[in-house]
């Protein structure tokens, strides 16, 4: 790997890091509610919805596990038997 390639790669990273990012300033009035997300996740025929719900749930659980103190009592109990996702 030459110094030219390293400098080129670094320049690309700096350029990509300098791109502006904008936060959503106003939440739309018709934004999804919790009830709408629950309905979405209940639809077992919609594979995209099921993938979204699984990913969202996994993210919530991983965040919970990462943020809780190691000595804290668990807030919920998982069954001892293995949990298997329903195959499509």
C-alpha atoms as a PDB file:
ATOM      1  CA  UNK A   1       0.000   0.000   0.000  1.00  0.00           C
ATOM      2  CA  UNK A   2       1.518   3.268  -1.073  1.00  0.00           C
ATOM      3  CA  UNK A   3       1.337   6.587   0.754  1.00  0.00           C
ATOM      4  CA  UNK A   4      -0.656   7.932  -2.181  1.00  0.00           C
ATOM      5  CA  UNK A   5      -3.406   5.355  -1.590  1.00  0.00           C
ATOM      6  CA  UNK A   6      -3.442   6.080   2.139  1.00  0.00           C
ATOM      7  CA  UNK A   7      -3.751   9.843   1.553  1.00  0.00           C
ATOM      8  CA  UNK A   8      -6.449   9.283  -1.058  1.00  0.00           C
ATOM      9  CA  UNK A   9      -8.430   7.090   1.360  1.00  0.00           C
ATOM     10  CA  UNK A  10      -8.024   9.612   4.147  1.00  0.00           C
ATOM     11  CA  UNK A  11      -9.211  12.413   1.839  1.00  0.00           C
ATOM     12  CA  UNK A  12     -12.324  10.431   0.920  1.00  0.00           C
ATOM     13  CA  UNK A  13     -13.109   9.797   4.592  1.00  0.00           C
ATOM     14  CA  UNK A  14     -12.682  13.483   5.445  1.00  0.00           C
ATOM     15  CA  UNK A  15     -14.908  14.476   2.527  1.00  0.00           C
ATOM     16  CA  UNK A  16     -17.626  12.018   3.543  1.00  0.00           C
ATOM     17  CA  UNK A  17     -17.411  13.148   7.155  1.00  0.00           C
ATOM     18  CA  UNK A  18     -17.949  16.781   6.176  1.00  0.00           C
ATOM     19  CA  UNK A  19     -21.304  16.187   4.513  1.00  0.00           C
ATOM     20  CA  UNK A  20     -24.088  18.110   6.247  1.00  0.00           C
ATOM     21  CA  UNK A  21     -26.714  16.167   8.140  1.00  0.00           C
ATOM     22  CA  UNK A  22     -30.073  17.571   9.075  1.00  0.00           C
ATOM     23  CA  UNK A  23     -32.318  16.524  11.923  1.00  0.00           C
ATOM     24  CA  UNK A  24     -36.045  16.329  11.461  1.00  0.00           C
ATOM     25  CA  UNK A  25     -37.168  19.658  12.863  1.00  0.00           C
ATOM     26  CA  UNK A  26     -40.939  19.190  12.807  1.00  0.00           C
ATOM     27  CA  UNK A  27     -42.604  15.829  13.333  1.00  0.00           C
ATOM     28  CA  UNK A  28     -45.588  15.402  11.009  1.00  0.00           C
ATOM     29  CA  UNK A  29     -48.995  15.415  12.668  1.00  0.00           C
ATOM     30  CA  UNK A  30     -49.894  12.098  11.069  1.00  0.00           C
ATOM     31  CA  UNK A  31     -46.751  10.399  12.376  1.00  0.00           C
ATOM     32  CA  UNK A  32     -47.154   6.750  13.367  1.00  0.00           C
ATOM     33  CA  UNK A  33     -48.477   6.038  16.830  1.00  0.00           C
ATOM     34  CA  UNK A  34     -47.621   3.107  19.065  1.00  0.00           C
ATOM     35  CA  UNK A  35     -50.971   1.520  18.231  1.00  0.00           C
ATOM     36  CA  UNK A  36     -50.159   1.697  14.513  1.00  0.00           C
ATOM     37  CA  UNK A  37     -46.778   0.017  15.098  1.00  0.00           C
ATOM     38  CA  UNK A  38     -48.483  -2.739  17.117  1.00  0.00           C
ATOM     39  CA  UNK A  39     -50.964  -3.299  14.266  1.00  0.00           C
ATOM     40  CA  UNK A  40     -48.080  -3.396  11.802  1.00  0.00           C
ATOM     41  CA  UNK A  41     -46.278  -6.033  13.848  1.00  0.00           C
ATOM     42  CA  UNK A  42     -49.429  -8.167  14.212  1.00  0.00           C
ATOM     43  CA  UNK A  43     -49.685  -8.625  10.449  1.00  0.00           C
ATOM     44  CA  UNK A  44     -47.867 -11.956  10.058  1.00  0.00           C
ATOM     45  CA  UNK A  45     -48.399 -11.959   6.281  1.00  0.00           C
ATOM     46  CA  UNK A  46     -46.260  -8.841   5.740  1.00  0.00           C
ATOM     47  CA  UNK A  47     -42.648 -10.068   5.664  1.00  0.00           C
ATOM     48  CA  UNK A  48     -41.206  -6.541   5.541  1.00  0.00           C
ATOM     49  CA  UNK A  49     -43.217  -5.543   8.617  1.00  0.00           C
ATOM     50  CA  UNK A  50     -42.084  -8.660  10.455  1.00  0.00           C
ATOM     51  CA  UNK A  51     -38.446  -7.941   9.607  1.00  0.00           C
ATOM     52  CA  UNK A  52     -38.838  -4.346  10.826  1.00  0.00           C
ATOM     53  CA  UNK A  53     -40.499  -5.449  14.058  1.00  0.00           C
ATOM     54  CA  UNK A  54     -37.879  -8.115  14.720  1.00  0.00           C
ATOM     55  CA  UNK A  55     -35.052  -5.632  14.119  1.00  0.00           C
ATOM     56  CA  UNK A  56     -36.690  -2.985  16.280  1.00  0.00           C
ATOM     57  CA  UNK A  57     -37.282  -5.453  19.121  1.00  0.00           C
ATOM     58  CA  UNK A  58     -33.726  -6.760  18.877  1.00  0.00           C
ATOM     59  CA  UNK A  59     -32.393  -3.198  19.024  1.00  0.00           C
ATOM     60  CA  UNK A  60     -34.479  -2.378  22.094  1.00  0.00           C
ATOM     61  CA  UNK A  61     -33.323  -5.562  23.849  1.00  0.00           C
ATOM     62  CA  UNK A  62     -29.647  -5.035  22.981  1.00  0.00           C
ATOM     63  CA  UNK A  63     -29.827  -1.441  24.243  1.00  0.00           C
ATOM     64  CA  UNK A  64     -31.488  -2.623  27.452  1.00  0.00           C
ATOM     65  CA  UNK A  65     -28.771  -5.234  27.990  1.00  0.00           C
ATOM     66  CA  UNK A  66     -25.948  -2.785  27.239  1.00  0.00           C
ATOM     67  CA  UNK A  67     -27.258   0.034  29.437  1.00  0.00           C
ATOM     68  CA  UNK A  68     -28.296  -1.844  32.561  1.00  0.00           C
ATOM     69  CA  UNK A  69     -25.853  -2.208  35.436  1.00  0.00           C
ATOM     70  CA  UNK A  70     -24.274  -5.671  35.700  1.00  0.00           C
ATOM     71  CA  UNK A  71     -25.626  -6.247  39.236  1.00  0.00           C
ATOM     72  CA  UNK A  72     -29.173  -5.067  38.445  1.00  0.00           C
ATOM     73  CA  UNK A  73     -32.071  -7.468  38.834  1.00  0.00           C
ATOM     74  CA  UNK A  74     -33.649  -8.328  35.481  1.00  0.00           C
ATOM     75  CA  UNK A  75     -36.868  -6.473  34.744  1.00  0.00           C
ATOM     76  CA  UNK A  76     -38.355  -9.483  32.938  1.00  0.00           C
ATOM     77  CA  UNK A  77     -37.671 -13.206  32.747  1.00  0.00           C
ATOM     78  CA  UNK A  78     -37.086 -15.180  29.579  1.00  0.00           C
ATOM     79  CA  UNK A  79     -38.301 -18.777  29.441  1.00  0.00           C
ATOM     80  CA  UNK A  80     -35.744 -21.505  30.062  1.00  0.00           C
ATOM     81  CA  UNK A  81     -36.670 -23.318  26.840  1.00  0.00           C
ATOM     82  CA  UNK A  82     -35.298 -22.018  23.575  1.00  0.00           C
ATOM     83  CA  UNK A  83     -37.434 -19.545  21.662  1.00  0.00           C
ATOM     84  CA  UNK A  84     -37.734 -20.245  17.951  1.00  0.00           C
ATOM     85  CA  UNK A  85     -38.945 -17.744  15.380  1.00  0.00           C
ATOM     86  CA  UNK A  86     -41.783 -18.933  13.182  1.00  0.00           C
ATOM     87  CA  UNK A  87     -40.407 -19.885   9.760  1.00  0.00           C
ATOM     88  CA  UNK A  88     -42.034 -18.285   6.738  1.00  0.00           C
END
